[in-house]
């Protein structure tokens, strides 16, 4: 019994990602702490939007990791309300993909970021690469962490068919 019991992860390992991800979704939806709804109001919004019933206390318990028994139905209600797949709460790959989309959505809330993106549309690949290099340098100057490209250029990958990039080894 000890052997099979040691292989089974404790409940805390399951609820920790759920609580972290729920808190992350709440923060992404309501970034300003001053205007962020309390759990009772959030539960009411969830009920009105989805028809699912979760109490404010239960949401608080989930968000703080105090509640360990989460049903598939409750995860489905949360997923529907926040616009994420239910797998977001327990699948690392899905969570990473959704979190990348959330970072983009959060960045696009800033009108200057949207304006920059809209102005860059239609520019050549070379110009976009130069702008990206400038933004990366500006982030370094402001001591901000580097941002990974959603689809980084792989030196081992074949060059684009439009000839926009020279081969990775510098030959033309």
N, C-alpha and C. Protein backbone atom coordinates (compact mmCIF):
# COMPACT_ATOMS: atom_id res chain seq x y z
N UNK A 1 0.82 -1.19 0.00
CA UNK A 1 0.00 0.00 0.00
C UNK A 1 0.86 1.25 0.00
N UNK A 2 1.96 1.23 0.70
CA UNK A 2 2.83 2.38 0.75
C UNK A 2 3.36 2.70 -0.64
N UNK A 3 3.67 1.64 -1.42
CA UNK A 3 4.22 1.86 -2.75
C UNK A 3 3.22 2.55 -3.66
N UNK A 4 1.96 2.07 -3.70
CA UNK A 4 0.96 2.70 -4.58
C UNK A 4 0.57 4.07 -4.06
N UNK A 5 0.55 4.24 -2.72
CA UNK A 5 0.20 5.54 -2.14
C UNK A 5 1.26 6.59 -2.48
N UNK A 6 2.53 6.20 -2.54
CA UNK A 6 3.60 7.15 -2.81
C UNK A 6 3.58 7.62 -4.26
N UNK A 7 2.97 6.84 -5.14
CA UNK A 7 2.90 7.25 -6.55
C UNK A 7 1.79 8.26 -6.80
N UNK A 8 0.77 8.27 -5.97
CA UNK A 8 -0.37 9.16 -6.17
C UNK A 8 -0.02 10.55 -5.64
N UNK A 9 -0.16 11.59 -6.48
CA UNK A 9 0.18 12.93 -6.01
C UNK A 9 -0.82 13.41 -4.98
N UNK A 10 -0.37 14.18 -3.99
CA UNK A 10 -1.31 14.73 -3.01
C UNK A 10 -2.24 15.73 -3.66
N UNK A 11 -3.41 15.95 -3.03
CA UNK A 11 -4.41 16.88 -3.58
C UNK A 11 -3.84 18.27 -3.82
N UNK A 12 -2.93 18.70 -2.98
CA UNK A 12 -2.39 20.04 -3.11
C UNK A 12 -1.77 20.27 -4.49
N UNK A 13 -1.16 19.25 -5.07
CA UNK A 13 -0.55 19.41 -6.38
C UNK A 13 -1.60 19.68 -7.45
N UNK A 14 -2.80 19.15 -7.29
CA UNK A 14 -3.86 19.39 -8.26
C UNK A 14 -4.47 20.76 -8.07
N UNK A 15 -4.71 21.16 -6.82
CA UNK A 15 -5.38 22.43 -6.59
C UNK A 15 -4.46 23.62 -6.78
N UNK A 16 -3.17 23.46 -6.58
CA UNK A 16 -2.27 24.59 -6.73
C UNK A 16 -2.35 25.20 -8.13
N UNK A 17 -2.22 24.40 -9.19
CA UNK A 17 -2.37 25.00 -10.52
C UNK A 17 -3.77 25.60 -10.72
N UNK A 18 -4.79 24.96 -10.19
CA UNK A 18 -6.14 25.50 -10.35
C UNK A 18 -6.25 26.85 -9.67
N UNK A 19 -5.77 26.97 -8.45
CA UNK A 19 -5.87 28.24 -7.74
C UNK A 19 -5.03 29.31 -8.43
N UNK A 20 -3.83 28.95 -8.86
CA UNK A 20 -2.98 29.91 -9.56
C UNK A 20 -3.62 30.36 -10.87
N UNK A 21 -4.18 29.42 -11.60
CA UNK A 21 -4.76 29.76 -12.90
C UNK A 21 -6.06 30.55 -12.75
N UNK A 22 -6.85 30.22 -11.75
CA UNK A 22 -8.07 30.98 -11.50
C UNK A 22 -7.71 32.41 -11.12
N UNK A 23 -6.75 32.57 -10.23
CA UNK A 23 -6.31 33.91 -9.84
C UNK A 23 -5.75 34.67 -11.03
N UNK A 24 -5.01 33.97 -11.88
CA UNK A 24 -4.45 34.60 -13.08
C UNK A 24 -5.57 35.10 -14.01
N UNK A 25 -6.60 34.28 -14.19
CA UNK A 25 -7.72 34.68 -15.05
C UNK A 25 -8.47 35.88 -14.46
N UNK A 26 -8.69 35.87 -13.17
CA UNK A 26 -9.38 36.99 -12.53
C UNK A 26 -8.56 38.26 -12.71
N UNK A 27 -7.26 38.17 -12.50
CA UNK A 27 -6.37 39.32 -12.64
C UNK A 27 -6.32 39.81 -14.09
N UNK A 28 -6.31 38.88 -15.03
CA UNK A 28 -6.28 39.27 -16.45
C UNK A 28 -7.57 39.98 -16.85
N UNK A 29 -8.70 39.50 -16.34
CA UNK A 29 -9.99 40.11 -16.66
C UNK A 29 -10.18 41.44 -15.96
N UNK A 30 -9.66 41.54 -14.75
CA UNK A 30 -9.80 42.75 -13.93
C UNK A 30 -8.42 43.16 -13.41
N UNK A 31 -7.58 43.77 -14.27
CA UNK A 31 -6.20 44.05 -13.86
C UNK A 31 -6.07 45.09 -12.75
N UNK A 32 -7.01 46.01 -12.65
CA UNK A 32 -6.93 47.06 -11.63
C UNK A 32 -7.50 46.54 -10.32
N UNK A 33 -6.65 46.37 -9.32
CA UNK A 33 -7.09 45.84 -8.03
C UNK A 33 -8.20 46.69 -7.41
N UNK A 34 -8.15 47.99 -7.68
CA UNK A 34 -9.14 48.88 -7.07
C UNK A 34 -10.55 48.64 -7.60
N UNK A 35 -10.66 48.17 -8.82
CA UNK A 35 -11.98 47.95 -9.41
C UNK A 35 -12.32 46.47 -9.57
N UNK A 36 -11.42 45.60 -9.15
CA UNK A 36 -11.64 44.16 -9.25
C UNK A 36 -12.80 43.77 -8.34
N UNK A 37 -13.77 43.01 -8.87
CA UNK A 37 -14.90 42.63 -8.02
C UNK A 37 -14.49 41.64 -6.94
N UNK A 38 -15.24 41.66 -5.86
CA UNK A 38 -15.04 40.66 -4.82
C UNK A 38 -15.56 39.32 -5.32
N UNK A 39 -15.31 38.29 -4.55
CA UNK A 39 -15.71 36.95 -4.97
C UNK A 39 -17.22 36.80 -5.05
N UNK A 40 -17.97 37.47 -4.19
CA UNK A 40 -19.43 37.38 -4.23
C UNK A 40 -19.96 38.00 -5.52
N UNK A 41 -19.45 39.16 -5.88
CA UNK A 41 -19.88 39.81 -7.12
C UNK A 41 -19.45 39.00 -8.34
N UNK A 42 -18.24 38.47 -8.29
CA UNK A 42 -17.75 37.64 -9.39
C UNK A 42 -18.61 36.39 -9.56
N UNK A 43 -19.00 35.78 -8.45
CA UNK A 43 -19.88 34.60 -8.50
C UNK A 43 -21.21 34.97 -9.15
N UNK A 44 -21.73 36.15 -8.82
CA UNK A 44 -22.99 36.62 -9.41
C UNK A 44 -22.82 36.83 -10.92
N UNK A 45 -21.71 37.44 -11.33
CA UNK A 45 -21.43 37.64 -12.75
C UNK A 45 -21.32 36.31 -13.48
N UNK A 46 -20.67 35.34 -12.87
CA UNK A 46 -20.53 34.01 -13.46
C UNK A 46 -21.90 33.36 -13.62
N UNK A 47 -22.72 33.46 -12.59
CA UNK A 47 -24.07 32.88 -12.62
C UNK A 47 -24.89 33.53 -13.74
N UNK A 48 -24.83 34.86 -13.86
CA UNK A 48 -25.60 35.57 -14.88
C UNK A 48 -25.10 35.25 -16.29
N UNK A 49 -23.80 35.08 -16.44
CA UNK A 49 -23.24 34.84 -17.77
C UNK A 49 -23.37 33.39 -18.23
N UNK A 50 -23.32 32.45 -17.28
CA UNK A 50 -23.26 31.04 -17.67
C UNK A 50 -24.45 30.21 -17.20
N UNK A 51 -25.14 30.69 -16.19
CA UNK A 51 -26.20 29.89 -15.59
C UNK A 51 -25.68 28.91 -14.56
N UNK A 52 -24.36 28.81 -14.45
CA UNK A 52 -23.75 27.93 -13.46
C UNK A 52 -23.74 28.58 -12.09
N UNK A 53 -23.82 27.78 -11.08
CA UNK A 53 -23.87 28.33 -9.73
C UNK A 53 -22.61 27.99 -8.95
N UNK A 54 -21.87 29.01 -8.62
CA UNK A 54 -20.71 28.92 -7.75
C UNK A 54 -20.87 30.04 -6.73
N UNK A 55 -20.64 29.74 -5.47
CA UNK A 55 -20.76 30.79 -4.46
C UNK A 55 -19.48 31.61 -4.40
N UNK A 56 -19.60 32.80 -3.84
CA UNK A 56 -18.43 33.64 -3.64
C UNK A 56 -17.43 32.98 -2.72
N UNK A 57 -17.93 32.31 -1.70
CA UNK A 57 -17.06 31.60 -0.76
C UNK A 57 -16.31 30.48 -1.48
N UNK A 58 -17.01 29.74 -2.31
CA UNK A 58 -16.38 28.65 -3.05
C UNK A 58 -15.31 29.19 -4.00
N UNK A 59 -15.59 30.31 -4.68
CA UNK A 59 -14.58 30.92 -5.56
C UNK A 59 -13.35 31.32 -4.76
N UNK A 60 -13.57 31.91 -3.60
CA UNK A 60 -12.46 32.32 -2.75
C UNK A 60 -11.65 31.09 -2.34
N UNK A 61 -12.33 30.03 -1.95
CA UNK A 61 -11.64 28.81 -1.55
C UNK A 61 -10.83 28.21 -2.70
N UNK A 62 -11.38 28.27 -3.91
CA UNK A 62 -10.64 27.77 -5.08
C UNK A 62 -9.42 28.65 -5.35
N UNK A 63 -9.64 29.95 -5.33
CA UNK A 63 -8.56 30.89 -5.66
C UNK A 63 -7.42 30.84 -4.64
N UNK A 64 -7.74 30.55 -3.41
CA UNK A 64 -6.70 30.50 -2.37
C UNK A 64 -6.15 29.09 -2.16
N UNK A 65 -6.70 28.10 -2.87
CA UNK A 65 -6.21 26.73 -2.75
C UNK A 65 -6.75 26.00 -1.53
N UNK A 66 -7.74 26.57 -0.87
CA UNK A 66 -8.30 25.93 0.33
C UNK A 66 -9.30 24.83 -0.02
N UNK A 67 -9.88 24.90 -1.20
CA UNK A 67 -10.85 23.89 -1.63
C UNK A 67 -10.13 22.92 -2.54
N UNK A 68 -10.37 21.62 -2.29
CA UNK A 68 -9.67 20.58 -3.05
C UNK A 68 -10.58 19.80 -3.99
N UNK A 69 -11.88 19.88 -3.79
CA UNK A 69 -12.78 19.07 -4.61
C UNK A 69 -13.46 19.95 -5.67
N UNK A 70 -12.92 19.88 -6.86
CA UNK A 70 -13.44 20.65 -7.98
C UNK A 70 -14.06 19.68 -8.97
N UNK A 71 -15.32 19.88 -9.29
CA UNK A 71 -15.97 18.98 -10.23
C UNK A 71 -15.72 19.44 -11.66
N UNK A 72 -15.91 18.53 -12.58
CA UNK A 72 -15.78 18.85 -14.00
C UNK A 72 -16.80 19.93 -14.38
N UNK A 73 -17.99 19.85 -13.83
CA UNK A 73 -19.03 20.84 -14.11
C UNK A 73 -18.61 22.23 -13.65
N UNK A 74 -18.02 22.31 -12.46
CA UNK A 74 -17.58 23.61 -11.93
C UNK A 74 -16.44 24.18 -12.78
N UNK A 75 -15.51 23.31 -13.19
CA UNK A 75 -14.43 23.78 -14.07
C UNK A 75 -14.98 24.24 -15.41
N UNK A 76 -16.01 23.56 -15.90
CA UNK A 76 -16.63 23.95 -17.17
C UNK A 76 -17.29 25.32 -17.06
N UNK A 77 -17.94 25.58 -15.93
CA UNK A 77 -18.57 26.88 -15.72
C UNK A 77 -17.51 27.98 -15.69
N UNK A 78 -16.43 27.75 -14.95
CA UNK A 78 -15.34 28.72 -14.90
C UNK A 78 -14.72 28.94 -16.27
N UNK A 79 -14.49 27.85 -16.99
CA UNK A 79 -13.90 27.94 -18.32
C UNK A 79 -14.80 28.73 -19.26
N UNK A 80 -16.10 28.47 -19.20
CA UNK A 80 -17.04 29.20 -20.06
C UNK A 80 -17.01 30.69 -19.74
N UNK A 81 -17.04 31.03 -18.48
CA UNK A 81 -17.06 32.44 -18.08
C UNK A 81 -15.80 33.16 -18.53
N UNK A 82 -14.63 32.54 -18.32
CA UNK A 82 -13.38 33.20 -18.65
C UNK A 82 -12.97 33.01 -20.12
N UNK A 83 -13.71 32.20 -20.86
CA UNK A 83 -13.42 32.01 -22.28
C UNK A 83 -12.17 31.19 -22.53
N UNK A 84 -11.94 30.20 -21.70
CA UNK A 84 -10.79 29.32 -21.86
C UNK A 84 -11.30 27.88 -21.94
N UNK A 85 -10.51 26.97 -22.52
CA UNK A 85 -10.93 25.56 -22.50
C UNK A 85 -10.81 25.01 -21.08
N UNK A 86 -11.65 24.08 -20.70
CA UNK A 86 -11.57 23.50 -19.35
C UNK A 86 -10.19 22.91 -19.04
N UNK A 87 -9.50 22.43 -20.06
CA UNK A 87 -8.16 21.85 -19.87
C UNK A 87 -7.16 22.87 -19.34
N UNK A 88 -7.47 24.15 -19.50
CA UNK A 88 -6.58 25.21 -19.02
C UNK A 88 -6.21 25.00 -17.55
N UNK A 89 -7.13 24.49 -16.77
CA UNK A 89 -6.92 24.39 -15.33
C UNK A 89 -6.01 23.24 -14.92
N UNK A 90 -5.77 22.28 -15.82
CA UNK A 90 -4.94 21.14 -15.42
C UNK A 90 -3.95 20.69 -16.47
N UNK A 91 -3.92 21.28 -17.63
CA UNK A 91 -2.99 20.88 -18.69
C UNK A 91 -1.99 22.02 -18.93
N UNK A 92 -0.73 21.73 -18.70
CA UNK A 92 0.32 22.74 -18.79
C UNK A 92 0.43 23.35 -20.18
N UNK A 93 0.37 22.52 -21.23
CA UNK A 93 0.47 23.04 -22.59
C UNK A 93 -0.67 23.99 -22.92
N UNK A 94 -1.88 23.60 -22.57
CA UNK A 94 -3.05 24.45 -22.82
C UNK A 94 -2.92 25.75 -22.03
N UNK A 95 -2.50 25.64 -20.78
CA UNK A 95 -2.34 26.84 -19.94
C UNK A 95 -1.30 27.78 -20.53
N UNK A 96 -0.19 27.24 -21.00
CA UNK A 96 0.85 28.08 -21.61
C UNK A 96 0.32 28.80 -22.84
N UNK A 97 -0.42 28.08 -23.69
CA UNK A 97 -0.97 28.68 -24.90
C UNK A 97 -1.98 29.79 -24.56
N UNK A 98 -2.87 29.51 -23.60
CA UNK A 98 -3.87 30.50 -23.20
C UNK A 98 -3.20 31.70 -22.54
N UNK A 99 -2.20 31.45 -21.70
CA UNK A 99 -1.51 32.55 -21.03
C UNK A 99 -0.79 33.46 -22.02
N UNK A 100 -0.25 32.87 -23.10
CA UNK A 100 0.38 33.69 -24.14
C UNK A 100 -0.67 34.58 -24.80
N UNK A 101 -1.85 34.03 -25.05
CA UNK A 101 -2.93 34.83 -25.63
C UNK A 101 -3.39 35.91 -24.66
N UNK A 102 -3.42 35.60 -23.38
CA UNK A 102 -3.80 36.59 -22.37
C UNK A 102 -2.78 37.72 -22.30
N UNK A 103 -1.49 37.38 -22.39
CA UNK A 103 -0.45 38.43 -22.39
C UNK A 103 -0.63 39.36 -23.58
N UNK A 104 -0.95 38.79 -24.74
CA UNK A 104 -1.18 39.61 -25.92
C UNK A 104 -2.40 40.50 -25.73
N UNK A 105 -3.49 39.93 -25.25
CA UNK A 105 -4.70 40.71 -25.02
C UNK A 105 -4.45 41.83 -24.01
N UNK A 106 -3.70 41.52 -22.97
CA UNK A 106 -3.38 42.53 -21.96
C UNK A 106 -2.53 43.64 -22.57
N UNK A 107 -1.54 43.27 -23.37
CA UNK A 107 -0.70 44.28 -24.02
C UNK A 107 -1.52 45.16 -24.95
N UNK A 108 -2.47 44.56 -25.65
CA UNK A 108 -3.27 45.31 -26.62
C UNK A 108 -4.30 46.24 -25.97
N UNK A 109 -4.46 46.16 -24.64
CA UNK A 109 -5.32 47.12 -23.95
C UNK A 109 -4.75 48.53 -24.00
N UNK A 110 -3.42 48.61 -24.08
CA UNK A 110 -2.74 49.90 -24.13
C UNK A 110 -2.89 50.45 -25.55
N UNK A 111 -3.48 51.63 -25.67
CA UNK A 111 -3.72 52.21 -27.00
C UNK A 111 -2.43 52.46 -27.76
N UNK A 112 -1.34 52.76 -27.05
CA UNK A 112 -0.07 52.99 -27.75
C UNK A 112 0.48 51.69 -28.32
N UNK A 113 0.30 50.60 -27.62
CA UNK A 113 0.76 49.30 -28.13
C UNK A 113 -0.07 48.94 -29.37
N UNK A 114 -1.39 49.14 -29.28
CA UNK A 114 -2.26 48.88 -30.46
C UNK A 114 -1.86 49.76 -31.62
N UNK A 115 -1.60 51.03 -31.36
CA UNK A 115 -1.22 51.96 -32.41
C UNK A 115 0.09 51.53 -33.07
N UNK A 116 1.03 51.12 -32.26
CA UNK A 116 2.31 50.64 -32.80
C UNK A 116 2.11 49.42 -33.69
N UNK A 117 1.31 48.47 -33.22
CA UNK A 117 1.05 47.26 -34.01
C UNK A 117 0.35 47.59 -35.31
N UNK A 118 -0.65 48.47 -35.26
CA UNK A 118 -1.38 48.83 -36.47
C UNK A 118 -0.49 49.57 -37.46
N UNK A 119 0.38 50.42 -36.97
CA UNK A 119 1.28 51.16 -37.86
C UNK A 119 2.32 50.25 -38.48
N UNK A 120 2.69 49.17 -37.80
CA UNK A 120 3.70 48.26 -38.32
C UNK A 120 3.15 47.34 -39.40
N UNK A 121 1.83 47.15 -39.41
CA UNK A 121 1.22 46.26 -40.39
C UNK A 121 1.53 46.74 -41.80
N UNK A 122 2.00 45.83 -42.64
CA UNK A 122 2.30 46.14 -44.03
C UNK A 122 3.76 46.47 -44.28
N UNK A 123 4.55 46.66 -43.23
CA UNK A 123 5.97 46.95 -43.41
C UNK A 123 6.70 45.69 -43.85
N UNK A 124 7.86 45.89 -44.46
CA UNK A 124 8.63 44.74 -44.94
C UNK A 124 9.15 43.91 -43.77
N UNK A 125 9.51 42.69 -44.05
CA UNK A 125 10.06 41.79 -43.05
C UNK A 125 11.31 42.38 -42.42
N UNK A 126 12.18 42.97 -43.25
CA UNK A 126 13.41 43.56 -42.75
C UNK A 126 13.11 44.71 -41.79
N UNK A 127 12.15 45.54 -42.14
CA UNK A 127 11.78 46.68 -41.29
C UNK A 127 11.18 46.19 -39.98
N UNK A 128 10.31 45.17 -40.05
CA UNK A 128 9.74 44.61 -38.82
C UNK A 128 10.82 44.04 -37.92
N UNK A 129 11.81 43.34 -38.51
CA UNK A 129 12.92 42.80 -37.71
C UNK A 129 13.71 43.92 -37.05
N UNK A 130 13.93 45.02 -37.77
CA UNK A 130 14.65 46.17 -37.20
C UNK A 130 13.85 46.78 -36.05
N UNK A 131 12.54 46.91 -36.22
CA UNK A 131 11.70 47.45 -35.15
C UNK A 131 11.70 46.53 -33.93
N UNK A 132 11.64 45.22 -34.16
CA UNK A 132 11.70 44.27 -33.05
C UNK A 132 13.03 44.39 -32.30
N UNK A 133 14.11 44.56 -33.02
CA UNK A 133 15.42 44.73 -32.38
C UNK A 133 15.44 46.01 -31.54
N UNK A 134 14.82 47.08 -32.05
CA UNK A 134 14.77 48.33 -31.28
C UNK A 134 13.94 48.16 -30.01
N UNK A 135 12.81 47.48 -30.12
CA UNK A 135 11.96 47.26 -28.96
C UNK A 135 12.68 46.37 -27.94
N UNK A 136 13.39 45.34 -28.41
CA UNK A 136 14.16 44.49 -27.50
C UNK A 136 15.22 45.30 -26.76
N UNK A 137 15.89 46.21 -27.49
CA UNK A 137 16.90 47.06 -26.86
C UNK A 137 16.26 48.00 -25.84
N UNK A 138 15.10 48.56 -26.17
CA UNK A 138 14.40 49.44 -25.24
C UNK A 138 14.00 48.67 -23.97
N UNK A 139 13.57 47.42 -24.13
CA UNK A 139 13.22 46.60 -22.96
C UNK A 139 14.44 46.39 -22.07
N UNK A 140 15.61 46.17 -22.69
CA UNK A 140 16.84 46.00 -21.92
C UNK A 140 17.16 47.28 -21.15
N UNK A 141 17.03 48.43 -21.80
CA UNK A 141 17.31 49.71 -21.14
C UNK A 141 16.40 49.94 -19.94
N UNK A 142 15.17 49.42 -20.01
CA UNK A 142 14.20 49.57 -18.93
C UNK A 142 14.25 48.38 -17.96
N UNK A 143 15.24 47.52 -18.13
CA UNK A 143 15.42 46.34 -17.27
C UNK A 143 14.18 45.46 -17.24
N UNK A 144 13.56 45.31 -18.40
CA UNK A 144 12.40 44.42 -18.53
C UNK A 144 12.88 43.08 -19.06
N UNK A 145 12.18 42.00 -18.73
CA UNK A 145 12.61 40.68 -19.23
C UNK A 145 12.42 40.57 -20.74
N UNK A 146 13.23 39.74 -21.33
CA UNK A 146 13.11 39.48 -22.76
C UNK A 146 11.76 38.81 -23.03
N UNK A 147 11.22 39.03 -24.21
CA UNK A 147 9.96 38.43 -24.61
C UNK A 147 10.26 37.42 -25.70
N UNK A 148 9.78 36.20 -25.49
CA UNK A 148 9.98 35.17 -26.50
C UNK A 148 9.01 35.38 -27.65
N UNK A 149 9.51 35.19 -28.86
CA UNK A 149 8.63 35.25 -30.02
C UNK A 149 7.67 34.08 -29.97
N UNK A 150 6.41 34.27 -30.39
CA UNK A 150 5.47 33.16 -30.41
C UNK A 150 5.94 32.04 -31.34
N UNK A 151 6.60 32.41 -32.43
CA UNK A 151 7.13 31.42 -33.38
C UNK A 151 8.54 31.88 -33.76
N UNK A 152 9.54 31.60 -32.91
CA UNK A 152 10.89 32.07 -33.20
C UNK A 152 11.43 31.47 -34.48
N UNK A 153 12.28 32.26 -35.15
CA UNK A 153 12.92 31.76 -36.37
C UNK A 153 13.97 30.75 -35.95
N UNK A 154 13.92 29.58 -36.54
CA UNK A 154 14.84 28.51 -36.22
C UNK A 154 15.92 28.47 -37.29
N UNK A 155 17.16 28.57 -36.86
CA UNK A 155 18.26 28.57 -37.83
C UNK A 155 18.30 27.27 -38.62
N UNK A 156 17.79 26.17 -38.03
CA UNK A 156 17.80 24.89 -38.74
C UNK A 156 16.63 24.76 -39.71
N UNK A 157 15.67 25.64 -39.60
CA UNK A 157 14.51 25.58 -40.47
C UNK A 157 14.88 26.11 -41.85
N UNK A 158 14.18 25.64 -42.87
CA UNK A 158 14.48 26.14 -44.21
C UNK A 158 14.12 27.62 -44.31
N UNK A 159 14.86 28.39 -45.13
CA UNK A 159 14.57 29.81 -45.27
C UNK A 159 13.21 30.02 -45.91
N UNK A 160 12.58 31.18 -45.67
CA UNK A 160 11.28 31.46 -46.29
C UNK A 160 11.40 31.44 -47.80
N UNK A 161 10.32 31.12 -48.46
CA UNK A 161 10.33 31.01 -49.92
C UNK A 161 10.38 32.36 -50.60
N UNK A 162 10.08 33.44 -49.89
CA UNK A 162 10.09 34.75 -50.53
C UNK A 162 11.48 35.36 -50.60
N UNK A 163 12.47 34.66 -50.05
CA UNK A 163 13.85 35.14 -50.12
C UNK A 163 14.11 36.33 -49.22
N UNK A 164 13.28 36.60 -48.24
CA UNK A 164 13.44 37.77 -47.38
C UNK A 164 14.67 37.67 -46.49
N UNK A 165 15.07 36.47 -46.11
CA UNK A 165 16.21 36.30 -45.22
C UNK A 165 17.35 35.65 -45.97
N UNK A 166 18.58 36.09 -45.72
CA UNK A 166 19.73 35.36 -46.27
C UNK A 166 19.90 34.06 -45.48
N UNK A 167 20.62 33.09 -46.01
CA UNK A 167 20.84 31.85 -45.25
C UNK A 167 21.50 32.17 -43.91
N UNK A 168 21.26 31.32 -42.90
CA UNK A 168 21.75 31.55 -41.55
C UNK A 168 23.27 31.60 -41.47
N UNK A 169 23.99 30.96 -42.42
CA UNK A 169 25.43 30.94 -42.36
C UNK A 169 26.06 32.18 -42.99
N UNK A 170 25.23 33.14 -43.43
CA UNK A 170 25.75 34.40 -43.97
C UNK A 170 25.98 34.38 -45.47
N UNK A 171 25.85 33.22 -46.13
CA UNK A 171 26.04 33.16 -47.59
C UNK A 171 24.85 33.77 -48.29
N UNK A 172 25.06 34.35 -49.44
CA UNK A 172 23.96 34.92 -50.22
C UNK A 172 23.59 34.05 -51.37
